[in-house]
Amino acid sequence: MRIIGIDLGVTAKHRAIVADERSEFISPIIKFASRLADLEKLRSRALQGVDPDHPLVVVMEATNIVWYPVAAYFLRQGATVHVVNPRLSADLARFYKRHAKSDRLAKC
């Protein structure tokens, strides 16, 4: 399975990163627009080295209406698309920030 995490931009280009089934990043950050050519290039980079029918999961936050053409493209290509509620992701980020460990262990 390949996972594409997308940070949608309203005025700037979108940014994506690809991970494998072990959640290890296998691509650098990829900048793209909502144009068909860019979406096809992103999909081909995500599936590089595996069969074209390899399972593909796309995760993005519902940013304005910008998410719709990206989600529609990947759904037509047979990918599983998860559109995350921005309030839930903000709540989760606050939770993780509150419980982050920032102290360092001193060497003995």
PDB file of N, CA and C in Angstrom:
ATOM      1  N   MET A   1       0.846  -1.179   0.000  1.00  0.00           N
ATOM      2  CA  MET A   1       0.000   0.000   0.000  1.00  0.00           C
ATOM      3  C   MET A   1       0.886   1.235   0.000  1.00  0.00           C
ATOM      4  N   ARG A   2       0.480   2.228  -0.758  1.00  0.00           N
ATOM      5  CA  ARG A   2       1.144   3.522  -0.769  1.00  0.00           C
ATOM      6  C   ARG A   2       0.159   4.556  -0.236  1.00  0.00           C
ATOM      7  N   ILE A   3       0.677   5.487   0.549  1.00  0.00           N
ATOM      8  CA  ILE A   3      -0.140   6.526   1.167  1.00  0.00           C
ATOM      9  C   ILE A   3       0.384   7.881   0.710  1.00  0.00           C
ATOM     10  N   ILE A   4      -0.524   8.716   0.218  1.00  0.00           N
ATOM     11  CA  ILE A   4      -0.164  10.087  -0.149  1.00  0.00           C
ATOM     12  C   ILE A   4      -0.819  11.020   0.872  1.00  0.00           C
ATOM     13  N   GLY A   5      -0.004  11.756   1.592  1.00  0.00           N
ATOM     14  CA  GLY A   5      -0.503  12.781   2.499  1.00  0.00           C
ATOM     15  C   GLY A   5      -0.410  14.120   1.795  1.00  0.00           C
ATOM     16  N   ILE A   6      -1.517  14.834   1.713  1.00  0.00           N
ATOM     17  CA  ILE A   6      -1.555  16.082   0.950  1.00  0.00           C
ATOM     18  C   ILE A   6      -1.914  17.254   1.856  1.00  0.00           C
ATOM     19  N   ASP A   7      -1.118  18.316   1.757  1.00  0.00           N
ATOM     20  CA  ASP A   7      -1.411  19.590   2.398  1.00  0.00           C
ATOM     21  C   ASP A   7      -1.873  20.524   1.284  1.00  0.00           C
ATOM     22  N   LEU A   8      -3.164  20.809   1.264  1.00  0.00           N
ATOM     23  CA  LEU A   8      -3.736  21.615   0.187  1.00  0.00           C
ATOM     24  C   LEU A   8      -3.475  23.093   0.421  1.00  0.00           C
ATOM     25  N   GLY A   9      -3.161  23.795  -0.653  1.00  0.00           N
ATOM     26  CA  GLY A   9      -2.955  25.237  -0.578  1.00  0.00           C
ATOM     27  C   GLY A   9      -4.038  25.955  -1.353  1.00  0.00           C
ATOM     28  N   VAL A  10      -4.561  27.014  -0.779  1.00  0.00           N
ATOM     29  CA  VAL A  10      -5.605  27.770  -1.468  1.00  0.00           C
ATOM     30  C   VAL A  10      -4.977  28.707  -2.499  1.00  0.00           C
ATOM     31  N   THR A  11      -3.925  29.437  -2.111  1.00  0.00           N
ATOM     32  CA  THR A  11      -3.273  30.359  -3.044  1.00  0.00           C
ATOM     33  C   THR A  11      -1.919  29.838  -3.511  1.00  0.00           C
ATOM     34  N   ALA A  12      -1.301  28.973  -2.735  1.00  0.00           N
ATOM     35  CA  ALA A  12      -0.004  28.406  -3.102  1.00  0.00           C
ATOM     36  C   ALA A  12      -0.212  27.011  -3.690  1.00  0.00           C
ATOM     37  N   LYS A  13       0.875  26.412  -4.147  1.00  0.00           N
ATOM     38  CA  LYS A  13       0.794  25.045  -4.652  1.00  0.00           C
ATOM     39  C   LYS A  13       0.534  24.082  -3.501  1.00  0.00           C
ATOM     40  N   HIS A  14      -0.098  22.965  -3.830  1.00  0.00           N
ATOM     41  CA  HIS A  14      -0.313  21.911  -2.848  1.00  0.00           C
ATOM     42  C   HIS A  14       1.019  21.209  -2.612  1.00  0.00           C
ATOM     43  N   ARG A  15       1.133  20.558  -1.457  1.00  0.00           N
ATOM     44  CA  ARG A  15       2.335  19.786  -1.147  1.00  0.00           C
ATOM     45  C   ARG A  15       1.916  18.378  -0.741  1.00  0.00           C
ATOM     46  N   ALA A  16       2.678  17.397  -1.182  1.00  0.00           N
ATOM     47  CA  ALA A  16       2.358  16.004  -0.875  1.00  0.00           C
ATOM     48  C   ALA A  16       3.626  15.257  -0.512  1.00  0.00           C
ATOM     49  N   ILE A  17       3.438  14.180   0.216  1.00  0.00           N
ATOM     50  CA  ILE A  17       4.535  13.266   0.529  1.00  0.00           C
ATOM     51  C   ILE A  17       3.981  11.850   0.444  1.00  0.00           C
ATOM     52  N   VAL A  18       4.802  10.925   0.012  1.00  0.00           N
ATOM     53  CA  VAL A  18       4.375   9.545  -0.189  1.00  0.00           C
ATOM     54  C   VAL A  18       5.049   8.663   0.846  1.00  0.00           C
ATOM     55  N   ALA A  19       4.258   7.759   1.434  1.00  0.00           N
ATOM     56  CA  ALA A  19       4.776   6.797   2.413  1.00  0.00           C
ATOM     57  C   ALA A  19       4.375   5.395   1.979  1.00  0.00           C
ATOM     58  N   ASP A  20       5.099   4.404   2.485  1.00  0.00           N
ATOM     59  CA  ASP A  20       4.752   3.018   2.186  1.00  0.00           C
ATOM     60  C   ASP A  20       3.908   2.440   3.319  1.00  0.00           C
ATOM     61  N   GLU A  21       3.654   1.138   3.263  1.00  0.00           N
ATOM     62  CA  GLU A  21       2.779   0.509   4.254  1.00  0.00           C
ATOM     63  C   GLU A  21       3.377   0.494   5.662  1.00  0.00           C
ATOM     64  N   ARG A  22       4.678   0.733   5.787  1.00  0.00           N
ATOM     65  CA  ARG A  22       5.325   0.812   7.102  1.00  0.00           C
ATOM     66  C   ARG A  22       5.413   2.255   7.597  1.00  0.00           C
ATOM     67  N   SER A  23       4.727   3.163   6.903  1.00  0.00           N
ATOM     68  CA  SER A  23       4.712   4.597   7.214  1.00  0.00           C
ATOM     69  C   SER A  23       6.083   5.240   7.090  1.00  0.00           C
ATOM     70  N   GLU A  24       6.923   4.689   6.231  1.00  0.00           N
ATOM     71  CA  GLU A  24       8.236   5.283   5.959  1.00  0.00           C
ATOM     72  C   GLU A  24       8.111   6.138   4.705  1.00  0.00           C
ATOM     73  N   PHE A  25       8.623   7.358   4.774  1.00  0.00           N
ATOM     74  CA  PHE A  25       8.539   8.262   3.634  1.00  0.00           C
ATOM     75  C   PHE A  25       9.413   7.735   2.509  1.00  0.00           C
ATOM     76  N   ILE A  26       8.858   7.709   1.310  1.00  0.00           N
ATOM     77  CA  ILE A  26       9.611   7.215   0.152  1.00  0.00           C
ATOM     78  C   ILE A  26       9.740   8.280  -0.929  1.00  0.00           C
ATOM     79  N   SER A  27       9.377   9.516  -0.596  1.00  0.00           N
ATOM     80  CA  SER A  27       9.530  10.615  -1.550  1.00  0.00           C
ATOM     81  C   SER A  27       9.859  11.882  -0.782  1.00  0.00           C
ATOM     82  N   PRO A  28      10.473  12.826  -1.474  1.00  0.00           N
ATOM     83  CA  PRO A  28      10.592  14.153  -0.870  1.00  0.00           C
ATOM     84  C   PRO A  28       9.229  14.845  -0.967  1.00  0.00           C
ATOM     85  N   ILE A  29       9.144  16.061  -0.471  1.00  0.00           N
ATOM     86  CA  ILE A  29       7.906  16.823  -0.607  1.00  0.00           C
ATOM     87  C   ILE A  29       7.706  17.165  -2.083  1.00  0.00           C
ATOM     88  N   ILE A  30       6.520  16.880  -2.582  1.00  0.00           N
ATOM     89  CA  ILE A  30       6.188  17.106  -3.985  1.00  0.00           C
ATOM     90  C   ILE A  30       5.196  18.261  -4.058  1.00  0.00           C
ATOM     91  N   LYS A  31       5.540  19.300  -4.799  1.00  0.00           N
ATOM     92  CA  LYS A  31       4.642  20.432  -4.982  1.00  0.00           C
ATOM     93  C   LYS A  31       3.882  20.232  -6.285  1.00  0.00           C
ATOM     94  N   PHE A  32       2.562  20.518  -6.243  1.00  0.00           N
ATOM     95  CA  PHE A  32       1.749  20.312  -7.441  1.00  0.00           C
ATOM     96  C   PHE A  32       0.527  21.216  -7.410  1.00  0.00           C
ATOM     97  N   ALA A  33      -0.098  21.361  -8.560  1.00  0.00           N
ATOM     98  CA  ALA A  33      -1.344  22.129  -8.690  1.00  0.00           C
ATOM     99  C   ALA A  33      -2.482  21.147  -8.950  1.00  0.00           C
ATOM    100  N   SER A  34      -3.702  21.641  -9.011  1.00  0.00           N
ATOM    101  CA  SER A  34      -4.865  20.779  -9.223  1.00  0.00           C
ATOM    102  C   SER A  34      -5.092  20.439 -10.695  1.00  0.00           C
ATOM    103  N   ARG A  35      -4.119  20.709 -11.543  1.00  0.00           N
ATOM    104  CA  ARG A  35      -4.237  20.375 -12.963  1.00  0.00           C
ATOM    105  C   ARG A  35      -4.099  18.878 -13.180  1.00  0.00           C
ATOM    106  N   LEU A  36      -4.741  18.372 -14.219  1.00  0.00           N
ATOM    107  CA  LEU A  36      -4.732  16.947 -14.519  1.00  0.00           C
ATOM    108  C   LEU A  36      -3.320  16.408 -14.695  1.00  0.00           C
ATOM    109  N   ALA A  37      -2.468  17.131 -15.401  1.00  0.00           N
ATOM    110  CA  ALA A  37      -1.093  16.673 -15.627  1.00  0.00           C
ATOM    111  C   ALA A  37      -0.333  16.538 -14.308  1.00  0.00           C
ATOM    112  N   ASP A  38      -0.511  17.490 -13.404  1.00  0.00           N
ATOM    113  CA  ASP A  38       0.171  17.431 -12.109  1.00  0.00           C
ATOM    114  C   ASP A  38      -0.340  16.267 -11.264  1.00  0.00           C
ATOM    115  N   LEU A  39      -1.650  16.044 -11.293  1.00  0.00           N
ATOM    116  CA  LEU A  39      -2.230  14.940 -10.520  1.00  0.00           C
ATOM    117  C   LEU A  39      -1.766  13.588 -11.057  1.00  0.00           C
ATOM    118  N   GLU A  40      -1.678  13.461 -12.372  1.00  0.00           N
ATOM    119  CA  GLU A  40      -1.184  12.213 -12.963  1.00  0.00           C
ATOM    120  C   GLU A  40       0.274  11.977 -12.607  1.00  0.00           C
ATOM    121  N   LYS A  41       1.062  13.057 -12.601  1.00  0.00           N
ATOM    122  CA  LYS A  41       2.478  12.938 -12.239  1.00  0.00           C
ATOM    123  C   LYS A  41       2.625  12.517 -10.772  1.00  0.00           C
ATOM    124  N   LEU A  42       1.796  13.095  -9.895  1.00  0.00           N
ATOM    125  CA  LEU A  42       1.822  12.730  -8.476  1.00  0.00           C
ATOM    126  C   LEU A  42       1.468  11.257  -8.298  1.00  0.00           C
ATOM    127  N   ARG A  43       0.424  10.804  -8.977  1.00  0.00           N
ATOM    128  CA  ARG A  43       0.007   9.404  -8.877  1.00  0.00           C
ATOM    129  C   ARG A  43       1.099   8.472  -9.383  1.00  0.00           C
ATOM    130  N   SER A  44       1.721   8.807 -10.503  1.00  0.00           N
ATOM    131  CA  SER A  44       2.777   7.939 -11.036  1.00  0.00           C
ATOM    132  C   SER A  44       3.996   7.917 -10.126  1.00  0.00           C
ATOM    133  N   ARG A  45       4.325   9.040  -9.500  1.00  0.00           N
ATOM    134  CA  ARG A  45       5.453   9.057  -8.545  1.00  0.00           C
ATOM    135  C   ARG A  45       5.126   8.232  -7.307  1.00  0.00           C
ATOM    136  N   ALA A  46       3.865   8.261  -6.880  1.00  0.00           N
ATOM    137  CA  ALA A  46       3.466   7.484  -5.701  1.00  0.00           C
ATOM    138  C   ALA A  46       3.522   5.994  -5.982  1.00  0.00           C
ATOM    139  N   LEU A  47       3.232   5.601  -7.209  1.00  0.00           N
ATOM    140  CA  LEU A  47       3.200   4.177  -7.565  1.00  0.00           C
ATOM    141  C   LEU A  47       4.498   3.704  -8.226  1.00  0.00           C
ATOM    142  N   GLN A  48       5.517   4.519  -8.177  1.00  0.00           N
ATOM    143  CA  GLN A  48       6.807   4.164  -8.772  1.00  0.00           C
ATOM    144  C   GLN A  48       7.388   2.927  -8.079  1.00  0.00           C
ATOM    145  N   GLY A  49       7.728   1.922  -8.863  1.00  0.00           N
ATOM    146  CA  GLY A  49       8.328   0.709  -8.325  1.00  0.00           C
ATOM    147  C   GLY A  49       7.340  -0.369  -7.934  1.00  0.00           C
ATOM    148  N   VAL A  50       6.045  -0.121  -8.094  1.00  0.00           N
ATOM    149  CA  VAL A  50       5.017  -1.121  -7.783  1.00  0.00           C
ATOM    150  C   VAL A  50       4.062  -1.222  -8.976  1.00  0.00           C
ATOM    151  N   ASP A  51       3.176  -2.218  -8.942  1.00  0.00           N
ATOM    152  CA  ASP A  51       2.195  -2.386 -10.010  1.00  0.00           C
ATOM    153  C   ASP A  51       1.241  -1.192 -10.059  1.00  0.00           C
ATOM    154  N   PRO A  52       0.737  -0.846 -11.253  1.00  0.00           N
ATOM    155  CA  PRO A  52      -0.211   0.274 -11.361  1.00  0.00           C
ATOM    156  C   PRO A  52      -1.501   0.057 -10.578  1.00  0.00           C
ATOM    157  N   ASP A  53      -1.859  -1.197 -10.288  1.00  0.00           N
ATOM    158  CA  ASP A  53      -3.083  -1.460  -9.518  1.00  0.00           C
ATOM    159  C   ASP A  53      -2.801  -1.661  -8.032  1.00  0.00           C
ATOM    160  N   HIS A  54      -1.601  -1.267  -7.585  1.00  0.00           N
ATOM    161  CA  HIS A  54      -1.219  -1.340  -6.177  1.00  0.00           C
ATOM    162  C   HIS A  54      -2.156  -0.440  -5.364  1.00  0.00           C
ATOM    163  N   PRO A  55      -2.592  -0.859  -4.161  1.00  0.00           N
ATOM    164  CA  PRO A  55      -3.507  -0.025  -3.363  1.00  0.00           C
ATOM    165  C   PRO A  55      -2.901   1.346  -3.041  1.00  0.00           C
ATOM    166  N   LEU A  56      -3.708   2.366  -3.230  1.00  0.00           N
ATOM    167  CA  LEU A  56      -3.279   3.740  -3.004  1.00  0.00           C
ATOM    168  C   LEU A  56      -4.289   4.422  -2.093  1.00  0.00           C
ATOM    169  N   VAL A  57      -3.796   5.052  -1.024  1.00  0.00           N
ATOM    170  CA  VAL A  57      -4.640   5.774  -0.070  1.00  0.00           C
ATOM    171  C   VAL A  57      -4.201   7.233  -0.087  1.00  0.00           C
ATOM    172  N   VAL A  58      -5.175   8.132  -0.173  1.00  0.00           N
ATOM    173  CA  VAL A  58      -4.898   9.562  -0.198  1.00  0.00           C
ATOM    174  C   VAL A  58      -5.583  10.193   1.016  1.00  0.00           C
ATOM    175  N   VAL A  59      -4.803  10.985   1.773  1.00  0.00           N
ATOM    176  CA  VAL A  59      -5.333  11.642   2.973  1.00  0.00           C
ATOM    177  C   VAL A  59      -5.089  13.139   2.833  1.00  0.00           C
ATOM    178  N   MET A  60      -6.158  13.932   3.049  1.00  0.00           N
ATOM    179  CA  MET A  60      -6.045  15.386   2.967  1.00  0.00           C
ATOM    180  C   MET A  60      -7.066  16.030   3.886  1.00  0.00           C
ATOM    181  N   GLU A  61      -6.800  17.274   4.223  1.00  0.00           N
ATOM    182  CA  GLU A  61      -7.735  18.033   5.044  1.00  0.00           C
ATOM    183  C   GLU A  61      -8.681  18.802   4.134  1.00  0.00           C
ATOM    184  N   ALA A  62      -9.934  18.906   4.530  1.00  0.00           N
ATOM    185  CA  ALA A  62     -10.933  19.620   3.730  1.00  0.00           C
ATOM    186  C   ALA A  62     -10.659  21.118   3.821  1.00  0.00           C
ATOM    187  N   THR A  63      -9.861  21.629   2.900  1.00  0.00           N
ATOM    188  CA  THR A  63      -9.499  23.035   2.871  1.00  0.00           C
ATOM    189  C   THR A  63     -10.337  23.732   1.816  1.00  0.00           C
ATOM    190  N   ASN A  64     -11.241  24.616   2.265  1.00  0.00           N
ATOM    191  CA  ASN A  64     -12.105  25.345   1.343  1.00  0.00           C
ATOM    192  C   ASN A  64     -12.761  24.321   0.404  1.00  0.00           C
ATOM    193  N   ILE A  65     -12.878  24.617  -0.874  1.00  0.00           N
ATOM    194  CA  ILE A  65     -13.389  23.651  -1.850  1.00  0.00           C
ATOM    195  C   ILE A  65     -12.241  23.081  -2.684  1.00  0.00           C
ATOM    196  N   VAL A  66     -11.026  23.443  -2.328  1.00  0.00           N
ATOM    197  CA  VAL A  66      -9.836  23.030  -3.072  1.00  0.00           C
ATOM    198  C   VAL A  66      -9.661  21.513  -3.053  1.00  0.00           C
ATOM    199  N   TRP A  67     -10.165  20.840  -2.050  1.00  0.00           N
ATOM    200  CA  TRP A  67      -9.988  19.396  -1.923  1.00  0.00           C
ATOM    201  C   TRP A  67     -10.773  18.619  -2.971  1.00  0.00           C
ATOM    202  N   TYR A  68     -11.852  19.201  -3.472  1.00  0.00           N
ATOM    203  CA  TYR A  68     -12.780  18.450  -4.317  1.00  0.00           C
ATOM    204  C   TYR A  68     -12.168  17.910  -5.619  1.00  0.00           C
ATOM    205  N   PRO A  69     -11.486  18.727  -6.451  1.00  0.00           N
ATOM    206  CA  PRO A  69     -10.932  18.169  -7.688  1.00  0.00           C
ATOM    207  C   PRO A  69      -9.846  17.124  -7.437  1.00  0.00           C
ATOM    208  N   VAL A  70      -9.068  17.299  -6.381  1.00  0.00           N
ATOM    209  CA  VAL A  70      -8.018  16.326  -6.049  1.00  0.00           C
ATOM    210  C   VAL A  70      -8.658  15.007  -5.628  1.00  0.00           C
ATOM    211  N   ALA A  71      -9.660  15.080  -4.751  1.00  0.00           N
ATOM    212  CA  ALA A  71     -10.355  13.868  -4.303  1.00  0.00           C
ATOM    213  C   ALA A  71     -11.058  13.178  -5.466  1.00  0.00           C
ATOM    214  N   ALA A  72     -11.714  13.955  -6.324  1.00  0.00           N
ATOM    215  CA  ALA A  72     -12.430  13.375  -7.469  1.00  0.00           C
ATOM    216  C   ALA A  72     -11.475  12.647  -8.400  1.00  0.00           C
ATOM    217  N   TYR A  73     -10.306  13.226  -8.663  1.00  0.00           N
ATOM    218  CA  TYR A  73      -9.324  12.577  -9.533  1.00  0.00           C
ATOM    219  C   TYR A  73      -8.902  11.225  -8.959  1.00  0.00           C
ATOM    220  N   PHE A  74      -8.509  11.222  -7.684  1.00  0.00           N
ATOM    221  CA  PHE A  74      -8.001   9.976  -7.099  1.00  0.00           C
ATOM    222  C   PHE A  74      -9.101   8.932  -6.933  1.00  0.00           C
ATOM    223  N   LEU A  75     -10.320   9.350  -6.667  1.00  0.00           N
ATOM    224  CA  LEU A  75     -11.430   8.397  -6.602  1.00  0.00           C
ATOM    225  C   LEU A  75     -11.657   7.749  -7.965  1.00  0.00           C
ATOM    226  N   ARG A  76     -11.578   8.530  -9.050  1.00  0.00           N
ATOM    227  CA  ARG A  76     -11.738   7.976 -10.394  1.00  0.00           C
ATOM    228  C   ARG A  76     -10.628   6.998 -10.739  1.00  0.00           C
ATOM    229  N   GLN A  77      -9.466   7.172 -10.101  1.00  0.00           N
ATOM    230  CA  GLN A  77      -8.338   6.279 -10.362  1.00  0.00           C
ATOM    231  C   GLN A  77      -8.382   5.034  -9.483  1.00  0.00           C
ATOM    232  N   GLY A  78      -9.394   4.916  -8.628  1.00  0.00           N
ATOM    233  CA  GLY A  78      -9.549   3.734  -7.792  1.00  0.00           C
ATOM    234  C   GLY A  78      -8.866   3.815  -6.435  1.00  0.00           C
ATOM    235  N   ALA A  79      -8.386   4.979  -6.059  1.00  0.00           N
ATOM    236  CA  ALA A  79      -7.729   5.139  -4.758  1.00  0.00           C
ATOM    237  C   ALA A  79      -8.775   5.295  -3.658  1.00  0.00           C
ATOM    238  N   THR A  80      -8.366   4.970  -2.441  1.00  0.00           N
ATOM    239  CA  THR A  80      -9.189   5.244  -1.271  1.00  0.00           C
ATOM    240  C   THR A  80      -8.835   6.651  -0.800  1.00  0.00           C
ATOM    241  N   VAL A  81      -9.836   7.503  -0.659  1.00  0.00           N
ATOM    242  CA  VAL A  81      -9.596   8.903  -0.293  1.00  0.00           C
ATOM    243  C   VAL A  81     -10.224   9.188   1.059  1.00  0.00           C
ATOM    244  N   HIS A  82      -9.422   9.763   1.951  1.00  0.00           N
ATOM    245  CA  HIS A  82      -9.900  10.186   3.262  1.00  0.00           C
ATOM    246  C   HIS A  82      -9.774  11.704   3.341  1.00  0.00           C
ATOM    247  N   VAL A  83     -10.888  12.382   3.513  1.00  0.00           N
ATOM    248  CA  VAL A  83     -10.896  13.840   3.683  1.00  0.00           C
ATOM    249  C   VAL A  83     -11.175  14.103   5.159  1.00  0.00           C
ATOM    250  N   VAL A  84     -10.197  14.680   5.829  1.00  0.00           N
ATOM    251  CA  VAL A  84     -10.245  14.870   7.275  1.00  0.00           C
ATOM    252  C   VAL A  84     -10.910  16.202   7.608  1.00  0.00           C
ATOM    253  N   ASN A  85     -11.763  16.197   8.617  1.00  0.00           N
ATOM    254  CA  ASN A  85     -12.405  17.408   9.106  1.00  0.00           C
ATOM    255  C   ASN A  85     -11.341  18.305   9.739  1.00  0.00           C
ATOM    256  N   PRO A  86     -11.231  19.582   9.322  1.00  0.00           N
ATOM    257  CA  PRO A  86     -10.191  20.458   9.866  1.00  0.00           C
ATOM    258  C   PRO A  86     -10.298  20.666  11.372  1.00  0.00           C
ATOM    259  N   ARG A  87     -11.488  20.678  11.908  1.00  0.00           N
ATOM    260  CA  ARG A  87     -11.628  20.849  13.367  1.00  0.00           C
ATOM    261  C   ARG A  87     -11.049  19.659  14.103  1.00  0.00           C
ATOM    262  N   LEU A  88     -11.296  18.463  13.586  1.00  0.00           N
ATOM    263  CA  LEU A  88     -10.763  17.270  14.247  1.00  0.00           C
ATOM    264  C   LEU A  88      -9.243  17.234  14.177  1.00  0.00           C
ATOM    265  N   SER A  89      -8.673  17.604  13.040  1.00  0.00           N
ATOM    266  CA  SER A  89      -7.217  17.596  12.932  1.00  0.00           C
ATOM    267  C   SER A  89      -6.592  18.674  13.813  1.00  0.00           C
ATOM    268  N   ALA A  90      -7.246  19.829  13.954  1.00  0.00           N
ATOM    269  CA  ALA A  90      -6.739  20.876  14.851  1.00  0.00           C
ATOM    270  C   ALA A  90      -6.801  20.409  16.304  1.00  0.00           C
ATOM    271  N   ASP A  91      -7.894  19.733  16.673  1.00  0.00           N
ATOM    272  CA  ASP A  91      -8.004  19.197  18.033  1.00  0.00           C
ATOM    273  C   ASP A  91      -6.924  18.160  18.304  1.00  0.00           C
ATOM    274  N   LEU A  92      -6.671  17.302  17.332  1.00  0.00           N
ATOM    275  CA  LEU A  92      -5.630  16.288  17.489  1.00  0.00           C
ATOM    276  C   LEU A  92      -4.259  16.925  17.612  1.00  0.00           C
ATOM    277  N   ALA A  93      -3.991  17.971  16.829  1.00  0.00           N
ATOM    278  CA  ALA A  93      -2.704  18.671  16.914  1.00  0.00           C
ATOM    279  C   ALA A  93      -2.533  19.315  18.283  1.00  0.00           C
ATOM    280  N   ARG A  94      -3.598  19.922  18.811  1.00  0.00           N
ATOM    281  CA  ARG A  94      -3.515  20.514  20.159  1.00  0.00           C
ATOM    282  C   ARG A  94      -3.258  19.443  21.211  1.00  0.00           C
ATOM    283  N   PHE A  95      -3.901  18.289  21.065  1.00  0.00           N
ATOM    284  CA  PHE A  95      -3.701  17.195  22.004  1.00  0.00           C
ATOM    285  C   PHE A  95      -2.245  16.737  21.990  1.00  0.00           C
ATOM    286  N   TYR A  96      -1.693  16.522  20.799  1.00  0.00           N
ATOM    287  CA  TYR A  96      -0.301  16.071  20.714  1.00  0.00           C
ATOM    288  C   TYR A  96       0.661  17.124  21.234  1.00  0.00           C
ATOM    289  N   LYS A  97       0.369  18.396  20.995  1.00  0.00           N
ATOM    290  CA  LYS A  97       1.244  19.463  21.470  1.00  0.00           C
ATOM    291  C   LYS A  97       1.250  19.508  22.997  1.00  0.00           C
ATOM    292  N   ARG A  98       0.093  19.284  23.598  1.00  0.00           N
ATOM    293  CA  ARG A  98      -0.029  19.302  25.054  1.00  0.00           C
ATOM    294  C   ARG A  98       0.748  18.151  25.699  1.00  0.00           C
ATOM    295  N   HIS A  99       0.841  17.022  25.005  1.00  0.00           N
ATOM    296  CA  HIS A  99       1.475  15.845  25.573  1.00  0.00           C
ATOM    297  C   HIS A  99       2.847  15.558  24.986  1.00  0.00           C
ATOM    298  N   ALA A 100       3.422  16.533  24.306  1.00  0.00           N
ATOM    299  CA  ALA A 100       4.747  16.344  23.716  1.00  0.00           C
ATOM    300  C   ALA A 100       5.806  16.369  24.807  1.00  0.00           C
ATOM    301  N   LYS A 101       6.790  15.535  24.639  1.00  0.00           N
ATOM    302  CA  LYS A 101       7.919  15.502  25.577  1.00  0.00           C
ATOM    303  C   LYS A 101       9.019  16.397  25.007  1.00  0.00           C
ATOM    304  N   SER A 102       9.359  17.438  25.741  1.00  0.00           N
ATOM    305  CA  SER A 102      10.391  18.354  25.245  1.00  0.00           C
ATOM    306  C   SER A 102      11.624  18.336  26.136  1.00  0.00           C
ATOM    307  N   ASP A 103      11.578  17.635  27.267  1.00  0.00           N
ATOM    308  CA  ASP A 103      12.750  17.594  28.126  1.00  0.00           C
ATOM    309  C   ASP A 103      13.714  16.524  27.643  1.00  0.00           C
ATOM    310  N   ARG A 104      14.989  16.793  27.793  1.00  0.00           N
ATOM    311  CA  ARG A 104      16.001  15.839  27.353  1.00  0.00           C
ATOM    312  C   ARG A 104      16.535  15.076  28.570  1.00  0.00           C
ATOM    313  N   LEU A 105      16.868  13.846  28.345  1.00  0.00           N
ATOM    314  CA  LEU A 105      17.482  13.064  29.406  1.00  0.00           C
ATOM    315  C   LEU A 105      18.959  13.415  29.467  1.00  0.00           C
ATOM    316  N   ALA A 106      19.450  13.678  30.652  1.00  0.00           N
ATOM    317  CA  ALA A 106      20.842  14.004  30.823  1.00  0.00           C
ATOM    318  C   ALA A 106      21.674  12.731  30.795  1.00  0.00           C
ATOM    319  N   LYS A 107      22.854  12.827  30.177  1.00  0.00           N
ATOM    320  CA  LYS A 107      23.750  11.670  30.150  1.00  0.00           C
ATOM    321  C   LYS A 107      24.372  11.483  31.527  1.00  0.00           C
ATOM    322  N   CYS A 108      24.485  10.248  31.936  1.00  0.00           N
ATOM    323  CA  CYS A 108      25.089   9.971  33.244  1.00  0.00           C
ATOM    324  C   CYS A 108      26.547   9.688  33.124  1.00  0.00           C
TER     325      CYS A 108
END
